[in-house]
Amino acid sequence: MIAPLPQSSMRVLLFAVALISSAACSLADTLTTPSYKITIVGCGEGVVSCDTVKYVGVSRKTGRSIALIGRTVHATGPDGVTPSHFLGYEFKSGRTTYFVGEGGELLVTRGSKVLVDERGTWKY
């Protein structure tokens, strides 16, 4: 006969199961450019537009990182409203805008000044 788990052990076990389940349900993709490694965690399978996409960018030179919350970017359909073709993701930090494109582009701008313009490869 198997002895029941103490309540504290049961809580730890349930927490671990919840953590593993949430990690398995997250859709994380990684873009590697010459200078950065960017991990994008989307909003889930089947979600067309989302404004809670997570970005974690790490400099491959210094190891410094930044975490941001942003949105998906789409072209609009013929009605001018409905999202159609997925273009990428946009994130903002103050006056700095980060665009991570479907084709592997990383564009970081502050106003009209381009700070980073690199291309990389996605790992899904």
PDB file of N, CA and C in Angstrom:
ATOM      1  N   MET A   1       0.845  -1.174   0.000  1.00  0.00           N
ATOM      2  CA  MET A   1       0.000   0.000   0.000  1.00  0.00           C
ATOM      3  C   MET A   1       0.891   1.238   0.000  1.00  0.00           C
ATOM      4  N   ILE A   2       0.514   2.239  -0.758  1.00  0.00           N
ATOM      5  CA  ILE A   2       1.281   3.482  -0.858  1.00  0.00           C
ATOM      6  C   ILE A   2       0.779   4.454   0.205  1.00  0.00           C
ATOM      7  N   ALA A   3       1.725   5.010   0.953  1.00  0.00           N
ATOM      8  CA  ALA A   3       1.364   5.972   1.986  1.00  0.00           C
ATOM      9  C   ALA A   3       1.032   7.313   1.341  1.00  0.00           C
ATOM     10  N   PRO A   4       0.028   8.045   1.852  1.00  0.00           N
ATOM     11  CA  PRO A   4      -0.302   9.359   1.295  1.00  0.00           C
ATOM     12  C   PRO A   4       0.846  10.349   1.544  1.00  0.00           C
ATOM     13  N   LEU A   5       0.988  11.308   0.622  1.00  0.00           N
ATOM     14  CA  LEU A   5       2.018  12.338   0.764  1.00  0.00           C
ATOM     15  C   LEU A   5       1.610  13.343   1.835  1.00  0.00           C
ATOM     16  N   PRO A   6       2.569  13.850   2.590  1.00  0.00           N
ATOM     17  CA  PRO A   6       2.248  14.935   3.523  1.00  0.00           C
ATOM     18  C   PRO A   6       1.752  16.140   2.722  1.00  0.00           C
ATOM     19  N   GLN A   7       0.952  17.005   3.341  1.00  0.00           N
ATOM     20  CA  GLN A   7       0.351  18.137   2.646  1.00  0.00           C
ATOM     21  C   GLN A   7       1.414  19.044   2.005  1.00  0.00           C
ATOM     22  N   SER A   8       2.533  19.295   2.691  1.00  0.00           N
ATOM     23  CA  SER A   8       3.566  20.160   2.120  1.00  0.00           C
ATOM     24  C   SER A   8       4.193  19.524   0.876  1.00  0.00           C
ATOM     25  N   SER A   9       4.393  18.219   0.879  1.00  0.00           N
ATOM     26  CA  SER A   9       4.934  17.531  -0.299  1.00  0.00           C
ATOM     27  C   SER A   9       3.954  17.577  -1.455  1.00  0.00           C
ATOM     28  N   MET A  10       2.673  17.475  -1.157  1.00  0.00           N
ATOM     29  CA  MET A  10       1.637  17.529  -2.180  1.00  0.00           C
ATOM     30  C   MET A  10       1.628  18.908  -2.842  1.00  0.00           C
ATOM     31  N   ARG A  11       1.782  19.964  -2.047  1.00  0.00           N
ATOM     32  CA  ARG A  11       1.819  21.327  -2.610  1.00  0.00           C
ATOM     33  C   ARG A  11       3.004  21.489  -3.545  1.00  0.00           C
ATOM     34  N   VAL A  12       4.158  21.005  -3.149  1.00  0.00           N
ATOM     35  CA  VAL A  12       5.351  21.100  -3.987  1.00  0.00           C
ATOM     36  C   VAL A  12       5.143  20.328  -5.283  1.00  0.00           C
ATOM     37  N   LEU A  13       4.579  19.154  -5.194  1.00  0.00           N
ATOM     38  CA  LEU A  13       4.314  18.337  -6.372  1.00  0.00           C
ATOM     39  C   LEU A  13       3.333  19.042  -7.307  1.00  0.00           C
ATOM     40  N   LEU A  14       2.249  19.599  -6.776  1.00  0.00           N
ATOM     41  CA  LEU A  14       1.273  20.310  -7.601  1.00  0.00           C
ATOM     42  C   LEU A  14       1.883  21.544  -8.249  1.00  0.00           C
ATOM     43  N   PHE A  15       2.728  22.267  -7.512  1.00  0.00           N
ATOM     44  CA  PHE A  15       3.404  23.438  -8.063  1.00  0.00           C
ATOM     45  C   PHE A  15       4.308  23.025  -9.223  1.00  0.00           C
ATOM     46  N   ALA A  16       5.056  21.951  -9.057  1.00  0.00           N
ATOM     47  CA  ALA A  16       5.953  21.477 -10.118  1.00  0.00           C
ATOM     48  C   ALA A  16       5.172  21.061 -11.359  1.00  0.00           C
ATOM     49  N   VAL A  17       4.058  20.377 -11.170  1.00  0.00           N
ATOM     50  CA  VAL A  17       3.224  19.963 -12.304  1.00  0.00           C
ATOM     51  C   VAL A  17       2.675  21.193 -13.022  1.00  0.00           C
ATOM     52  N   ALA A  18       2.205  22.193 -12.273  1.00  0.00           N
ATOM     53  CA  ALA A  18       1.679  23.421 -12.881  1.00  0.00           C
ATOM     54  C   ALA A  18       2.764  24.160 -13.653  1.00  0.00           C
ATOM     55  N   LEU A  19       3.958  24.219 -13.102  1.00  0.00           N
ATOM     56  CA  LEU A  19       5.070  24.904 -13.755  1.00  0.00           C
ATOM     57  C   LEU A  19       5.452  24.209 -15.054  1.00  0.00           C
ATOM     58  N   ILE A  20       5.542  22.909 -15.027  1.00  0.00           N
ATOM     59  CA  ILE A  20       5.880  22.140 -16.231  1.00  0.00           C
ATOM     60  C   ILE A  20       4.787  22.292 -17.276  1.00  0.00           C
ATOM     61  N   SER A  21       3.540  22.259 -16.852  1.00  0.00           N
ATOM     62  CA  SER A  21       2.417  22.399 -17.787  1.00  0.00           C
ATOM     63  C   SER A  21       2.417  23.761 -18.443  1.00  0.00           C
ATOM     64  N   SER A  22       2.670  24.819 -17.672  1.00  0.00           N
ATOM     65  CA  SER A  22       2.670  26.156 -18.269  1.00  0.00           C
ATOM     66  C   SER A  22       3.832  26.327 -19.223  1.00  0.00           C
ATOM     67  N   ALA A  23       4.971  25.737 -18.927  1.00  0.00           N
ATOM     68  CA  ALA A  23       6.118  25.821 -19.834  1.00  0.00           C
ATOM     69  C   ALA A  23       5.835  25.063 -21.116  1.00  0.00           C
ATOM     70  N   ALA A  24       5.179  23.938 -21.017  1.00  0.00           N
ATOM     71  CA  ALA A  24       4.871  23.143 -22.202  1.00  0.00           C
ATOM     72  C   ALA A  24       3.848  23.836 -23.084  1.00  0.00           C
ATOM     73  N   CYS A  25       2.953  24.650 -22.498  1.00  0.00           N
ATOM     74  CA  CYS A  25       1.925  25.334 -23.269  1.00  0.00           C
ATOM     75  C   CYS A  25       2.429  26.638 -23.882  1.00  0.00           C
ATOM     76  N   SER A  26       3.554  27.167 -23.429  1.00  0.00           N
ATOM     77  CA  SER A  26       4.099  28.391 -23.983  1.00  0.00           C
ATOM     78  C   SER A  26       4.720  28.084 -25.334  1.00  0.00           C
ATOM     79  N   LEU A  27       4.551  29.011 -26.249  1.00  0.00           N
ATOM     80  CA  LEU A  27       5.167  28.852 -27.549  1.00  0.00           C
ATOM     81  C   LEU A  27       6.370  29.775 -27.597  1.00  0.00           C
ATOM     82  N   ALA A  28       7.550  29.243 -27.390  1.00  0.00           N
ATOM     83  CA  ALA A  28       8.756  30.052 -27.375  1.00  0.00           C
ATOM     84  C   ALA A  28       9.560  29.781 -28.633  1.00  0.00           C
ATOM     85  N   ASP A  29       9.954  30.868 -29.292  1.00  0.00           N
ATOM     86  CA  ASP A  29      10.796  30.795 -30.475  1.00  0.00           C
ATOM     87  C   ASP A  29      12.019  31.661 -30.204  1.00  0.00           C
ATOM     88  N   THR A  30      13.145  31.292 -30.800  1.00  0.00           N
ATOM     89  CA  THR A  30      14.380  32.035 -30.577  1.00  0.00           C
ATOM     90  C   THR A  30      14.953  32.517 -31.894  1.00  0.00           C
ATOM     91  N   LEU A  31      15.269  33.807 -31.937  1.00  0.00           N
ATOM     92  CA  LEU A  31      15.936  34.421 -33.080  1.00  0.00           C
ATOM     93  C   LEU A  31      17.376  34.715 -32.674  1.00  0.00           C
ATOM     94  N   THR A  32      18.325  34.206 -33.440  1.00  0.00           N
ATOM     95  CA  THR A  32      19.731  34.485 -33.171  1.00  0.00           C
ATOM     96  C   THR A  32      20.283  35.336 -34.311  1.00  0.00           C
ATOM     97  N   THR A  33      20.760  36.542 -33.952  1.00  0.00           N
ATOM     98  CA  THR A  33      21.393  37.446 -34.910  1.00  0.00           C
ATOM     99  C   THR A  33      22.879  37.474 -34.574  1.00  0.00           C
ATOM    100  N   PRO A  34      23.690  38.185 -35.359  1.00  0.00           N
ATOM    101  CA  PRO A  34      25.119  38.242 -35.014  1.00  0.00           C
ATOM    102  C   PRO A  34      25.397  38.772 -33.606  1.00  0.00           C
ATOM    103  N   SER A  35      24.550  39.691 -33.111  1.00  0.00           N
ATOM    104  CA  SER A  35      24.826  40.318 -31.810  1.00  0.00           C
ATOM    105  C   SER A  35      23.875  39.939 -30.692  1.00  0.00           C
ATOM    106  N   TYR A  36      22.711  39.348 -31.016  1.00  0.00           N
ATOM    107  CA  TYR A  36      21.688  39.111 -29.995  1.00  0.00           C
ATOM    108  C   TYR A  36      21.044  37.741 -30.125  1.00  0.00           C
ATOM    109  N   LYS A  37      20.566  37.257 -28.998  1.00  0.00           N
ATOM    110  CA  LYS A  37      19.732  36.058 -28.964  1.00  0.00           C
ATOM    111  C   LYS A  37      18.425  36.495 -28.325  1.00  0.00           C
ATOM    112  N   ILE A  38      17.344  36.386 -29.093  1.00  0.00           N
ATOM    113  CA  ILE A  38      16.046  36.889 -28.663  1.00  0.00           C
ATOM    114  C   ILE A  38      15.076  35.731 -28.551  1.00  0.00           C
ATOM    115  N   THR A  39      14.438  35.625 -27.391  1.00  0.00           N
ATOM    116  CA  THR A  39      13.411  34.606 -27.190  1.00  0.00           C
ATOM    117  C   THR A  39      12.068  35.305 -27.129  1.00  0.00           C
ATOM    118  N   ILE A  40      11.148  34.810 -27.942  1.00  0.00           N
ATOM    119  CA  ILE A  40       9.789  35.342 -27.998  1.00  0.00           C
ATOM    120  C   ILE A  40       8.845  34.266 -27.474  1.00  0.00           C
ATOM    121  N   VAL A  41       8.020  34.639 -26.510  1.00  0.00           N
ATOM    122  CA  VAL A  41       6.996  33.730 -26.003  1.00  0.00           C
ATOM    123  C   VAL A  41       5.658  34.318 -26.403  1.00  0.00           C
ATOM    124  N   GLY A  42       4.984  33.620 -27.320  1.00  0.00           N
ATOM    125  CA  GLY A  42       3.712  34.095 -27.857  1.00  0.00           C
ATOM    126  C   GLY A  42       2.556  33.840 -26.919  1.00  0.00           C
ATOM    127  N   CYS A  43       1.369  34.074 -27.452  1.00  0.00           N
ATOM    128  CA  CYS A  43       0.150  33.982 -26.645  1.00  0.00           C
ATOM    129  C   CYS A  43      -0.562  32.651 -26.774  1.00  0.00           C
ATOM    130  N   GLY A  44      -0.033  31.747 -27.523  1.00  0.00           N
ATOM    131  CA  GLY A  44      -0.651  30.440 -27.636  1.00  0.00           C
ATOM    132  C   GLY A  44      -1.081  30.131 -29.056  1.00  0.00           C
ATOM    133  N   GLU A  45      -1.226  28.873 -29.299  1.00  0.00           N
ATOM    134  CA  GLU A  45      -1.600  28.404 -30.623  1.00  0.00           C
ATOM    135  C   GLU A  45      -3.017  28.855 -30.966  1.00  0.00           C
ATOM    136  N   GLY A  46      -3.186  29.324 -32.191  1.00  0.00           N
ATOM    137  CA  GLY A  46      -4.501  29.738 -32.653  1.00  0.00           C
ATOM    138  C   GLY A  46      -4.851  31.183 -32.355  1.00  0.00           C
ATOM    139  N   VAL A  47      -4.035  31.897 -31.588  1.00  0.00           N
ATOM    140  CA  VAL A  47      -4.292  33.301 -31.284  1.00  0.00           C
ATOM    141  C   VAL A  47      -3.732  34.137 -32.436  1.00  0.00           C
ATOM    142  N   VAL A  48      -4.586  34.950 -33.064  1.00  0.00           N
ATOM    143  CA  VAL A  48      -4.155  35.734 -34.215  1.00  0.00           C
ATOM    144  C   VAL A  48      -3.450  37.008 -33.774  1.00  0.00           C
ATOM    145  N   SER A  49      -4.111  37.827 -32.985  1.00  0.00           N
ATOM    146  CA  SER A  49      -3.524  39.073 -32.491  1.00  0.00           C
ATOM    147  C   SER A  49      -3.356  38.978 -30.984  1.00  0.00           C
ATOM    148  N   CYS A  50      -2.279  39.574 -30.488  1.00  0.00           N
ATOM    149  CA  CYS A  50      -1.990  39.458 -29.068  1.00  0.00           C
ATOM    150  C   CYS A  50      -1.183  40.671 -28.619  1.00  0.00           C
ATOM    151  N   ASP A  51      -1.487  41.209 -27.451  1.00  0.00           N
ATOM    152  CA  ASP A  51      -0.718  42.339 -26.940  1.00  0.00           C
ATOM    153  C   ASP A  51       0.006  42.010 -25.637  1.00  0.00           C
ATOM    154  N   THR A  52       0.261  40.708 -25.426  1.00  0.00           N
ATOM    155  CA  THR A  52       1.024  40.281 -24.246  1.00  0.00           C
ATOM    156  C   THR A  52       2.141  39.306 -24.637  1.00  0.00           C
ATOM    157  N   VAL A  53       2.772  39.573 -25.769  1.00  0.00           N
ATOM    158  CA  VAL A  53       3.903  38.756 -26.219  1.00  0.00           C
ATOM    159  C   VAL A  53       5.117  39.127 -25.373  1.00  0.00           C
ATOM    160  N   LYS A  54       5.886  38.132 -24.975  1.00  0.00           N
ATOM    161  CA  LYS A  54       7.067  38.368 -24.140  1.00  0.00           C
ATOM    162  C   LYS A  54       8.346  38.299 -24.980  1.00  0.00           C
ATOM    163  N   TYR A  55       9.272  39.210 -24.710  1.00  0.00           N
ATOM    164  CA  TYR A  55      10.551  39.327 -25.417  1.00  0.00           C
ATOM    165  C   TYR A  55      11.649  39.284 -24.374  1.00  0.00           C
ATOM    166  N   VAL A  56      12.623  38.433 -24.578  1.00  0.00           N
ATOM    167  CA  VAL A  56      13.837  38.463 -23.760  1.00  0.00           C
ATOM    168  C   VAL A  56      15.004  38.503 -24.738  1.00  0.00           C
ATOM    169  N   GLY A  57      15.726  39.609 -24.720  1.00  0.00           N
ATOM    170  CA  GLY A  57      16.875  39.781 -25.601  1.00  0.00           C
ATOM    171  C   GLY A  57      18.156  39.745 -24.790  1.00  0.00           C
ATOM    172  N   VAL A  58      19.127  38.979 -25.266  1.00  0.00           N
ATOM    173  CA  VAL A  58      20.415  38.860 -24.585  1.00  0.00           C
ATOM    174  C   VAL A  58      21.517  39.207 -25.572  1.00  0.00           C
ATOM    175  N   SER A  59      22.394  40.131 -25.171  1.00  0.00           N
ATOM    176  CA  SER A  59      23.541  40.484 -25.998  1.00  0.00           C
ATOM    177  C   SER A  59      24.514  39.311 -26.010  1.00  0.00           C
ATOM    178  N   ARG A  60      24.911  38.897 -27.195  1.00  0.00           N
ATOM    179  CA  ARG A  60      25.868  37.800 -27.309  1.00  0.00           C
ATOM    180  C   ARG A  60      27.278  38.276 -26.978  1.00  0.00           C
ATOM    181  N   LYS A  61      27.482  39.596 -26.939  1.00  0.00           N
ATOM    182  CA  LYS A  61      28.803  40.156 -26.627  1.00  0.00           C
ATOM    183  C   LYS A  61      28.990  40.387 -25.134  1.00  0.00           C
ATOM    184  N   THR A  62      27.957  40.977 -24.485  1.00  0.00           N
ATOM    185  CA  THR A  62      28.100  41.357 -23.076  1.00  0.00           C
ATOM    186  C   THR A  62      27.324  40.483 -22.109  1.00  0.00           C
ATOM    187  N   GLY A  63      26.320  39.761 -22.613  1.00  0.00           N
ATOM    188  CA  GLY A  63      25.472  38.954 -21.740  1.00  0.00           C
ATOM    189  C   GLY A  63      24.356  39.749 -21.088  1.00  0.00           C
ATOM    190  N   ARG A  64      24.311  41.063 -21.317  1.00  0.00           N
ATOM    191  CA  ARG A  64      23.241  41.885 -20.744  1.00  0.00           C
ATOM    192  C   ARG A  64      21.915  41.523 -21.399  1.00  0.00           C
ATOM    193  N   SER A  65      20.830  41.652 -20.622  1.00  0.00           N
ATOM    194  CA  SER A  65      19.528  41.261 -21.157  1.00  0.00           C
ATOM    195  C   SER A  65      18.466  42.308 -20.864  1.00  0.00           C
ATOM    196  N   ILE A  66      17.390  42.209 -21.626  1.00  0.00           N
ATOM    197  CA  ILE A  66      16.229  43.067 -21.418  1.00  0.00           C
ATOM    198  C   ILE A  66      14.989  42.210 -21.653  1.00  0.00           C
ATOM    199  N   ALA A  67      13.972  42.412 -20.829  1.00  0.00           N
ATOM    200  CA  ALA A  67      12.695  41.709 -20.979  1.00  0.00           C
ATOM    201  C   ALA A  67      11.608  42.747 -21.216  1.00  0.00           C
ATOM    202  N   LEU A  68      10.771  42.495 -22.220  1.00  0.00           N
ATOM    203  CA  LEU A  68       9.728  43.435 -22.600  1.00  0.00           C
ATOM    204  C   LEU A  68       8.428  42.690 -22.884  1.00  0.00           C
ATOM    205  N   ILE A  69       7.330  43.408 -22.840  1.00  0.00           N
ATOM    206  CA  ILE A  69       6.026  42.894 -23.250  1.00  0.00           C
ATOM    207  C   ILE A  69       5.594  43.717 -24.458  1.00  0.00           C
ATOM    208  N   GLY A  70       5.098  43.040 -25.487  1.00  0.00           N
ATOM    209  CA  GLY A  70       4.701  43.756 -26.688  1.00  0.00           C
ATOM    210  C   GLY A  70       3.510  43.124 -27.363  1.00  0.00           C
ATOM    211  N   ARG A  71       3.443  43.320 -28.682  1.00  0.00           N
ATOM    212  CA  ARG A  71       2.268  42.897 -29.436  1.00  0.00           C
ATOM    213  C   ARG A  71       2.663  42.297 -30.771  1.00  0.00           C
ATOM    214  N   THR A  72       1.731  41.554 -31.343  1.00  0.00           N
ATOM    215  CA  THR A  72       1.932  41.059 -32.695  1.00  0.00           C
ATOM    216  C   THR A  72       1.634  42.187 -33.672  1.00  0.00           C
ATOM    217  N   VAL A  73       2.253  42.114 -34.860  1.00  0.00           N
ATOM    218  CA  VAL A  73       2.037  43.108 -35.915  1.00  0.00           C
ATOM    219  C   VAL A  73       1.590  42.360 -37.160  1.00  0.00           C
ATOM    220  N   HIS A  74       0.501  42.841 -37.750  1.00  0.00           N
ATOM    221  CA  HIS A  74      -0.069  42.207 -38.947  1.00  0.00           C
ATOM    222  C   HIS A  74      -0.339  43.267 -40.008  1.00  0.00           C
ATOM    223  N   ALA A  75      -0.297  42.848 -41.259  1.00  0.00           N
ATOM    224  CA  ALA A  75      -0.872  43.661 -42.322  1.00  0.00           C
ATOM    225  C   ALA A  75      -2.380  43.576 -42.126  1.00  0.00           C
ATOM    226  N   THR A  76      -3.112  44.555 -42.625  1.00  0.00           N
ATOM    227  CA  THR A  76      -4.560  44.492 -42.490  1.00  0.00           C
ATOM    228  C   THR A  76      -5.197  44.012 -43.782  1.00  0.00           C
ATOM    229  N   GLY A  77      -6.356  43.418 -43.626  1.00  0.00           N
ATOM    230  CA  GLY A  77      -7.089  42.889 -44.766  1.00  0.00           C
ATOM    231  C   GLY A  77      -7.702  44.007 -45.591  1.00  0.00           C
ATOM    232  N   PRO A  78      -8.424  43.646 -46.636  1.00  0.00           N
ATOM    233  CA  PRO A  78      -9.034  44.625 -47.537  1.00  0.00           C
ATOM    234  C   PRO A  78      -9.979  45.607 -46.835  1.00  0.00           C
ATOM    235  N   ASP A  79     -10.552  45.192 -45.704  1.00  0.00           N
ATOM    236  CA  ASP A  79     -11.465  46.097 -44.995  1.00  0.00           C
ATOM    237  C   ASP A  79     -10.718  47.146 -44.171  1.00  0.00           C
ATOM    238  N   GLY A  80      -9.375  47.029 -44.098  1.00  0.00           N
ATOM    239  CA  GLY A  80      -8.575  48.000 -43.352  1.00  0.00           C
ATOM    240  C   GLY A  80      -8.582  47.791 -41.853  1.00  0.00           C
ATOM    241  N   VAL A  81      -9.244  46.746 -41.384  1.00  0.00           N
ATOM    242  CA  VAL A  81      -9.364  46.493 -39.944  1.00  0.00           C
ATOM    243  C   VAL A  81      -8.896  45.091 -39.575  1.00  0.00           C
ATOM    244  N   THR A  82      -9.344  44.108 -40.310  1.00  0.00           N
ATOM    245  CA  THR A  82      -9.080  42.709 -39.979  1.00  0.00           C
ATOM    246  C   THR A  82      -7.611  42.358 -40.203  1.00  0.00           C
ATOM    247  N   PRO A  83      -6.949  41.768 -39.186  1.00  0.00           N
ATOM    248  CA  PRO A  83      -5.553  41.358 -39.375  1.00  0.00           C
ATOM    249  C   PRO A  83      -5.454  40.275 -40.447  1.00  0.00           C
ATOM    250  N   SER A  84      -4.428  40.389 -41.290  1.00  0.00           N
ATOM    251  CA  SER A  84      -4.220  39.336 -42.288  1.00  0.00           C
ATOM    252  C   SER A  84      -2.830  38.749 -42.106  1.00  0.00           C
ATOM    253  N   HIS A  85      -1.897  39.052 -42.975  1.00  0.00           N
ATOM    254  CA  HIS A  85      -0.563  38.439 -42.937  1.00  0.00           C
ATOM    255  C   HIS A  85       0.225  38.878 -41.698  1.00  0.00           C
ATOM    256  N   PHE A  86       0.767  37.907 -40.981  1.00  0.00           N
ATOM    257  CA  PHE A  86       1.602  38.177 -39.799  1.00  0.00           C
ATOM    258  C   PHE A  86       2.939  38.758 -40.251  1.00  0.00           C
ATOM    259  N   LEU A  87       3.341  39.889 -39.650  1.00  0.00           N
ATOM    260  CA  LEU A  87       4.611  40.542 -40.000  1.00  0.00           C
ATOM    261  C   LEU A  87       5.695  40.334 -38.948  1.00  0.00           C
ATOM    262  N   GLY A  88       5.302  40.278 -37.664  1.00  0.00           N
ATOM    263  CA  GLY A  88       6.285  40.125 -36.596  1.00  0.00           C
ATOM    264  C   GLY A  88       5.743  40.631 -35.271  1.00  0.00           C
ATOM    265  N   TYR A  89       6.659  41.140 -34.448  1.00  0.00           N
ATOM    266  CA  TYR A  89       6.323  41.588 -33.099  1.00  0.00           C
ATOM    267  C   TYR A  89       6.912  42.974 -32.858  1.00  0.00           C
ATOM    268  N   GLU A  90       6.214  43.781 -32.054  1.00  0.00           N
ATOM    269  CA  GLU A  90       6.711  45.102 -31.690  1.00  0.00           C
ATOM    270  C   GLU A  90       6.710  45.235 -30.170  1.00  0.00           C
ATOM    271  N   PHE A  91       7.815  45.771 -29.663  1.00  0.00           N
ATOM    272  CA  PHE A  91       7.988  45.975 -28.226  1.00  0.00           C
ATOM    273  C   PHE A  91       8.498  47.393 -28.018  1.00  0.00           C
ATOM    274  N   LYS A  92       8.109  48.023 -26.910  1.00  0.00           N
ATOM    275  CA  LYS A  92       8.552  49.389 -26.621  1.00  0.00           C
ATOM    276  C   LYS A  92       9.142  49.463 -25.222  1.00  0.00           C
ATOM    277  N   SER A  93      10.196  50.285 -25.128  1.00  0.00           N
ATOM    278  CA  SER A  93      10.814  50.595 -23.846  1.00  0.00           C
ATOM    279  C   SER A  93      11.130  52.086 -23.885  1.00  0.00           C
ATOM    280  N   GLY A  94      10.264  52.887 -23.259  1.00  0.00           N
ATOM    281  CA  GLY A  94      10.430  54.339 -23.358  1.00  0.00           C
ATOM    282  C   GLY A  94      10.268  54.769 -24.807  1.00  0.00           C
ATOM    283  N   ARG A  95      11.255  55.500 -25.332  1.00  0.00           N
ATOM    284  CA  ARG A  95      11.212  55.961 -26.725  1.00  0.00           C
ATOM    285  C   ARG A  95      11.818  54.949 -27.699  1.00  0.00           C
ATOM    286  N   THR A  96      12.270  53.817 -27.184  1.00  0.00           N
ATOM    287  CA  THR A  96      12.926  52.809 -28.024  1.00  0.00           C
ATOM    288  C   THR A  96      11.911  51.757 -28.450  1.00  0.00           C
ATOM    289  N   THR A  97      11.904  51.465 -29.761  1.00  0.00           N
ATOM    290  CA  THR A  97      11.002  50.460 -30.323  1.00  0.00           C
ATOM    291  C   THR A  97      11.821  49.302 -30.869  1.00  0.00           C
ATOM    292  N   TYR A  98      11.415  48.093 -30.527  1.00  0.00           N
ATOM    293  CA  TYR A  98      12.057  46.861 -30.990  1.00  0.00           C
ATOM    294  C   TYR A  98      11.079  46.171 -31.925  1.00  0.00           C
ATOM    295  N   PHE A  99      11.495  45.897 -33.150  1.00  0.00           N
ATOM    296  CA  PHE A  99      10.677  45.130 -34.081  1.00  0.00           C
ATOM    297  C   PHE A  99      11.422  43.845 -34.403  1.00  0.00           C
ATOM    298  N   VAL A 100      10.742  42.718 -34.203  1.00  0.00           N
ATOM    299  CA  VAL A 100      11.300  41.409 -34.520  1.00  0.00           C
ATOM    300  C   VAL A 100      10.409  40.829 -35.605  1.00  0.00           C
ATOM    301  N   GLY A 101      10.968  40.683 -36.809  1.00  0.00           N
ATOM    302  CA  GLY A 101      10.174  40.284 -37.948  1.00  0.00           C
ATOM    303  C   GLY A 101      10.129  38.793 -38.199  1.00  0.00           C
ATOM    304  N   GLU A 102       9.068  38.394 -38.855  1.00  0.00           N
ATOM    305  CA  GLU A 102       8.863  36.999 -39.204  1.00  0.00           C
ATOM    306  C   GLU A 102      10.020  36.455 -40.039  1.00  0.00           C
ATOM    307  N   GLY A 103      10.628  37.316 -40.856  1.00  0.00           N
ATOM    308  CA  GLY A 103      11.725  36.891 -41.718  1.00  0.00           C
ATOM    309  C   GLY A 103      13.088  36.900 -41.050  1.00  0.00           C
ATOM    310  N   GLY A 104      13.128  37.149 -39.723  1.00  0.00           N
ATOM    311  CA  GLY A 104      14.396  37.100 -38.991  1.00  0.00           C
ATOM    312  C   GLY A 104      15.058  38.449 -38.785  1.00  0.00           C
ATOM    313  N   GLU A 105      14.340  39.542 -39.026  1.00  0.00           N
ATOM    314  CA  GLU A 105      14.940  40.851 -38.831  1.00  0.00           C
ATOM    315  C   GLU A 105      14.751  41.356 -37.401  1.00  0.00           C
ATOM    316  N   LEU A 106      15.767  42.055 -36.920  1.00  0.00           N
ATOM    317  CA  LEU A 106      15.720  42.749 -35.637  1.00  0.00           C
ATOM    318  C   LEU A 106      16.023  44.206 -35.937  1.00  0.00           C
ATOM    319  N   LEU A 107      15.066  45.075 -35.680  1.00  0.00           N
ATOM    320  CA  LEU A 107      15.228  46.498 -35.917  1.00  0.00           C
ATOM    321  C   LEU A 107      14.917  47.226 -34.619  1.00  0.00           C
ATOM    322  N   VAL A 108      15.894  47.944 -34.100  1.00  0.00           N
ATOM    323  CA  VAL A 108      15.718  48.711 -32.863  1.00  0.00           C
ATOM    324  C   VAL A 108      15.914  50.177 -33.223  1.00  0.00           C
ATOM    325  N   THR A 109      14.902  50.993 -32.930  1.00  0.00           N
ATOM    326  CA  THR A 109      14.964  52.421 -33.255  1.00  0.00           C
ATOM    327  C   THR A 109      14.614  53.261 -32.041  1.00  0.00           C
ATOM    328  N   ARG A 110      15.143  54.471 -32.048  1.00  0.00           N
ATOM    329  CA  ARG A 110      14.762  55.483 -31.058  1.00  0.00           C
ATOM    330  C   ARG A 110      14.422  56.726 -31.866  1.00  0.00           C
ATOM    331  N   GLY A 111      13.127  56.997 -31.969  1.00  0.00           N
ATOM    332  CA  GLY A 111      12.687  58.052 -32.877  1.00  0.00           C
ATOM    333  C   GLY A 111      13.012  57.621 -34.300  1.00  0.00           C
ATOM    334  N   SER A 112      13.707  58.476 -35.041  1.00  0.00           N
ATOM    335  CA  SER A 112      14.083  58.129 -36.421  1.00  0.00           C
ATOM    336  C   SER A 112      15.484  57.515 -36.501  1.00  0.00           C
ATOM    337  N   LYS A 113      16.166  57.398 -35.370  1.00  0.00           N
ATOM    338  CA  LYS A 113      17.528  56.853 -35.354  1.00  0.00           C
ATOM    339  C   LYS A 113      17.508  55.324 -35.243  1.00  0.00           C
ATOM    340  N   VAL A 114      18.212  54.658 -36.154  1.00  0.00           N
ATOM    341  CA  VAL A 114      18.317  53.195 -36.129  1.00  0.00           C
ATOM    342  C   VAL A 114      19.482  52.817 -35.217  1.00  0.00           C
ATOM    343  N   LEU A 115      19.187  52.058 -34.163  1.00  0.00           N
ATOM    344  CA  LEU A 115      20.211  51.611 -33.221  1.00  0.00           C
ATOM    345  C   LEU A 115      20.758  50.235 -33.586  1.00  0.00           C
ATOM    346  N   VAL A 116      19.881  49.355 -34.045  1.00  0.00           N
ATOM    347  CA  VAL A 116      20.275  47.999 -34.442  1.00  0.00           C
ATOM    348  C   VAL A 116      19.462  47.625 -35.675  1.00  0.00           C
ATOM    349  N   ASP A 117      20.115  47.054 -36.661  1.00  0.00           N
ATOM    350  CA  ASP A 117      19.447  46.535 -37.847  1.00  0.00           C
ATOM    351  C   ASP A 117      20.202  45.273 -38.249  1.00  0.00           C
ATOM    352  N   GLU A 118      19.700  44.120 -37.797  1.00  0.00           N
ATOM    353  CA  GLU A 118      20.380  42.843 -38.045  1.00  0.00           C
ATOM    354  C   GLU A 118      19.388  41.806 -38.528  1.00  0.00           C
ATOM    355  N   ARG A 119      19.902  40.799 -39.168  1.00  0.00           N
ATOM    356  CA  ARG A 119      19.105  39.651 -39.597  1.00  0.00           C
ATOM    357  C   ARG A 119      19.680  38.414 -38.946  1.00  0.00           C
ATOM    358  N   GLY A 120      18.788  37.469 -38.665  1.00  0.00           N
ATOM    359  CA  GLY A 120      19.223  36.246 -38.032  1.00  0.00           C
ATOM    360  C   GLY A 120      18.373  35.074 -38.477  1.00  0.00           C
ATOM    361  N   THR A 121      18.499  33.995 -37.744  1.00  0.00           N
ATOM    362  CA  THR A 121      17.726  32.797 -38.057  1.00  0.00           C
ATOM    363  C   THR A 121      16.882  32.398 -36.851  1.00  0.00           C
ATOM    364  N   TRP A 122      15.679  31.938 -37.165  1.00  0.00           N
ATOM    365  CA  TRP A 122      14.743  31.484 -36.155  1.00  0.00           C
ATOM    366  C   TRP A 122      14.969  30.025 -35.836  1.00  0.00           C
ATOM    367  N   LYS A 123      14.786  29.673 -34.580  1.00  0.00           N
ATOM    368  CA  LYS A 123      14.746  28.281 -34.158  1.00  0.00           C
ATOM    369  C   LYS A 123      13.404  28.095 -33.469  1.00  0.00           C
ATOM    370  N   TYR A 124      12.571  27.239 -34.045  1.00  0.00           N
ATOM    371  CA  TYR A 124      11.219  27.023 -33.535  1.00  0.00           C
ATOM    372  C   TYR A 124      11.153  25.793 -32.676  1.00  0.00           C
TER     373      TYR A 124
END
